[in-house]
Amino acid sequence: MSNPSPDNSQPPSKTDFEQELLKQEYFFLQTTIEDYNKQIWVIKALGITGTGLVINLILKEKENAIALIGCAIPLFFWILESQWKHFQRGFYPRAHQIEKLLTLEFNLRSPAIFFEWHRTFKRRLTPKRQGYLWDGLLNPTVFISYVLEIGFLLLLSVIPLPN
């Protein structure tokens, strides 16, 4: 009895193997970036909910001073979200690097998720400033909602409430 012959399967070439590894790494990075986005939305939602509870307490107790103390809630969530955004942005350079490798070395037109997002929204591929302060705390996608929440609470702290 003879052994069945394999289906002419050749081991992948080094180039094919490298391309497959890059593809797997790229989609792992994209999934990780999206997972960070999901967590960031949860953080933002919790921050807004906390601010809403403070506003409800202010209106119920008719006490403006609660608003000043309540500013700590959006400030806390602002710092928390900025840390997540900073960590998330750490994956961007490698995603961009893999896209360049796949297009320049392997002559592929895709994937180009990272590049196209930056092109569409007219964002620089490498930010002018880097670091926690710029990637997180002063990132407009992070701070705008929290500044609005804090501003609203400060406004509530100075306007007279009806008894």
Protein backbone atom coordinates (compact mmCIF):
# COMPACT_ATOMS: atom_id res chain seq x y z
CA MET A 1 0.00 0.00 0.00
CA SER A 2 1.41 3.37 -0.91
CA ASN A 3 1.23 6.54 1.13
CA PRO A 4 -1.02 9.23 -0.26
CA SER A 5 0.99 12.07 -1.71
CA PRO A 6 0.52 15.56 -0.32
CA ASP A 7 -1.36 18.07 -2.44
CA ASN A 8 1.82 19.60 -3.81
CA SER A 9 1.85 21.89 -0.80
CA GLN A 10 4.99 23.94 -0.68
CA PRO A 11 6.03 25.78 2.43
CA PRO A 12 5.28 29.47 2.06
CA SER A 13 8.14 31.61 0.86
CA LYS A 14 9.74 34.02 3.26
CA THR A 15 8.00 36.91 1.50
CA ASP A 16 4.58 35.24 1.72
CA PHE A 17 5.20 34.35 5.36
CA GLU A 18 6.22 37.93 6.18
CA GLN A 19 3.20 39.33 4.35
CA GLU A 20 0.90 37.01 6.30
CA LEU A 21 2.49 38.04 9.61
CA LEU A 22 2.14 41.72 8.73
CA LYS A 23 -1.49 41.18 7.79
CA GLN A 24 -2.21 39.43 11.09
CA GLU A 25 -0.40 42.11 13.09
CA TYR A 26 -2.19 44.90 11.21
CA PHE A 27 -5.66 43.53 11.91
CA PHE A 28 -4.70 42.80 15.52
CA LEU A 29 -3.68 46.47 15.87
CA GLN A 30 -6.92 47.67 14.26
CA THR A 31 -8.95 45.49 16.63
CA THR A 32 -6.97 46.76 19.61
CA ILE A 33 -7.51 50.39 18.54
CA GLU A 34 -11.25 49.73 18.21
CA ASP A 35 -11.32 48.07 21.63
CA TYR A 36 -9.77 51.20 23.10
CA ASN A 37 -12.48 53.25 21.38
CA LYS A 38 -15.17 51.11 22.99
CA GLN A 39 -13.64 51.62 26.43
CA ILE A 40 -13.27 55.35 25.80
CA TRP A 41 -16.99 55.61 24.99
CA VAL A 42 -17.81 53.81 28.24
CA ILE A 43 -15.60 56.21 30.19
CA LYS A 44 -17.20 59.21 28.48
CA ALA A 45 -20.70 57.87 29.17
CA LEU A 46 -19.91 57.28 32.84
CA GLY A 47 -18.50 60.81 33.12
CA ILE A 48 -21.61 62.36 31.59
CA THR A 49 -23.83 60.20 33.82
CA GLY A 50 -21.89 61.33 36.91
CA THR A 51 -22.25 64.97 35.89
CA GLY A 52 -25.96 64.43 35.31
CA LEU A 53 -26.31 63.03 38.82
CA VAL A 54 -24.53 66.09 40.24
CA ILE A 55 -26.86 68.40 38.30
CA ASN A 56 -29.86 66.46 39.59
CA LEU A 57 -28.54 66.77 43.17
CA ILE A 58 -27.98 70.53 42.73
CA LEU A 59 -31.53 71.05 41.52
CA LYS A 60 -33.00 68.81 44.20
CA GLU A 61 -31.05 70.26 47.14
CA LYS A 62 -31.06 73.86 45.79
CA GLU A 63 -27.39 74.15 46.78
CA ASN A 64 -24.97 75.81 44.35
CA ALA A 65 -21.86 74.71 46.26
CA ILE A 66 -22.47 71.12 45.15
CA ALA A 67 -21.61 72.23 41.61
CA LEU A 68 -18.08 73.21 42.62
CA ILE A 69 -17.48 69.89 44.33
CA GLY A 70 -19.14 68.13 41.39
CA CYS A 71 -16.52 69.51 39.00
CA ALA A 72 -14.25 66.76 40.30
CA ILE A 73 -16.32 64.11 38.50
CA PRO A 74 -15.74 65.30 34.92
CA LEU A 75 -12.16 66.17 35.83
CA PHE A 76 -11.56 62.60 37.03
CA PHE A 77 -13.09 61.07 33.89
CA TRP A 78 -11.18 63.54 31.68
CA ILE A 79 -7.90 62.31 33.18
CA LEU A 80 -8.98 58.67 32.88
CA GLU A 81 -10.05 59.01 29.25
CA SER A 82 -6.91 60.94 28.36
CA GLN A 83 -4.79 58.05 29.65
CA TRP A 84 -6.70 55.58 27.48
CA LYS A 85 -6.41 57.85 24.44
CA HIS A 86 -2.66 58.21 25.04
CA PHE A 87 -2.25 54.43 25.24
CA GLN A 88 -4.39 53.96 22.12
CA ARG A 89 -2.32 56.42 20.12
CA GLY A 90 0.74 54.30 20.85
CA PHE A 91 -0.55 51.76 18.31
CA TYR A 92 -0.97 54.29 15.46
CA PRO A 93 2.68 54.50 14.29
CA ARG A 94 2.97 50.73 13.85
CA ALA A 95 -0.35 50.52 11.99
CA HIS A 96 0.90 53.24 9.64
CA GLN A 97 4.26 51.52 9.26
CA ILE A 98 2.59 48.23 8.29
CA GLU A 99 0.40 50.00 5.73
CA LYS A 100 3.53 51.52 4.18
CA LEU A 101 5.25 48.12 4.10
CA LEU A 102 2.27 46.44 2.47
CA THR A 103 1.91 49.12 -0.17
CA LEU A 104 5.57 49.80 -0.94
CA GLU A 105 7.20 46.38 -0.54
CA PHE A 106 4.29 44.13 -1.51
CA ASN A 107 2.63 46.50 -4.03
CA LEU A 108 -0.77 46.20 -2.36
CA ARG A 109 -3.39 48.94 -2.45
CA SER A 110 -4.86 47.93 0.86
CA PRO A 111 -5.25 47.81 3.77
CA ALA A 112 -5.22 51.57 4.13
CA ILE A 113 -7.57 52.14 7.06
CA PHE A 114 -5.18 54.34 8.99
CA PHE A 115 -3.92 56.33 6.01
CA GLU A 116 -7.38 56.95 4.54
CA TRP A 117 -8.79 58.07 7.89
CA HIS A 118 -6.03 60.64 8.22
CA ARG A 119 -6.44 61.76 4.60
CA THR A 120 -10.23 62.08 4.89
CA PHE A 121 -10.11 64.09 8.12
CA LYS A 122 -7.02 66.04 7.00
CA ARG A 123 -4.99 64.89 10.00
CA ARG A 124 -1.23 64.69 10.02
CA LEU A 125 0.17 61.17 10.08
CA THR A 126 2.65 62.24 12.74
CA PRO A 127 1.31 64.81 15.19
CA LYS A 128 3.18 68.08 15.74
CA ARG A 129 3.39 67.32 19.45
CA GLN A 130 3.48 63.97 21.18
CA GLY A 131 3.19 62.75 24.72
CA TYR A 132 0.52 62.31 27.33
CA LEU A 133 -0.33 66.01 27.51
CA TRP A 134 -1.03 66.32 23.77
CA ASP A 135 -2.24 62.81 22.96
CA GLY A 136 -4.55 62.70 25.95
CA LEU A 137 -5.37 65.72 28.10
CA LEU A 138 -5.32 68.35 25.34
CA ASN A 139 -6.65 66.10 22.58
CA PRO A 140 -9.84 67.82 21.34
CA THR A 141 -11.70 64.52 20.99
CA VAL A 142 -11.10 63.98 24.70
CA PHE A 143 -11.40 67.33 26.42
CA ILE A 144 -14.30 69.12 24.70
CA SER A 145 -17.13 67.26 26.45
CA TYR A 146 -15.44 67.55 29.85
CA VAL A 147 -14.74 71.26 29.48
CA LEU A 148 -18.41 71.75 28.59
CA GLU A 149 -19.51 69.73 31.63
CA ILE A 150 -17.21 71.65 33.97
CA GLY A 151 -18.31 74.96 32.44
CA PHE A 152 -21.95 74.07 32.93
CA LEU A 153 -21.33 73.07 36.56
CA LEU A 154 -19.46 76.32 37.19
CA LEU A 155 -22.36 78.22 35.67
CA LEU A 156 -24.76 76.38 37.98
CA SER A 157 -22.56 77.33 40.94
CA VAL A 158 -23.07 81.06 40.34
CA ILE A 159 -26.65 81.38 39.13
CA PRO A 160 -29.29 81.73 41.85
CA LEU A 161 -31.57 78.73 42.15
CA PRO A 162 -35.26 79.23 42.95
CA ASN A 163 -36.33 77.95 46.36
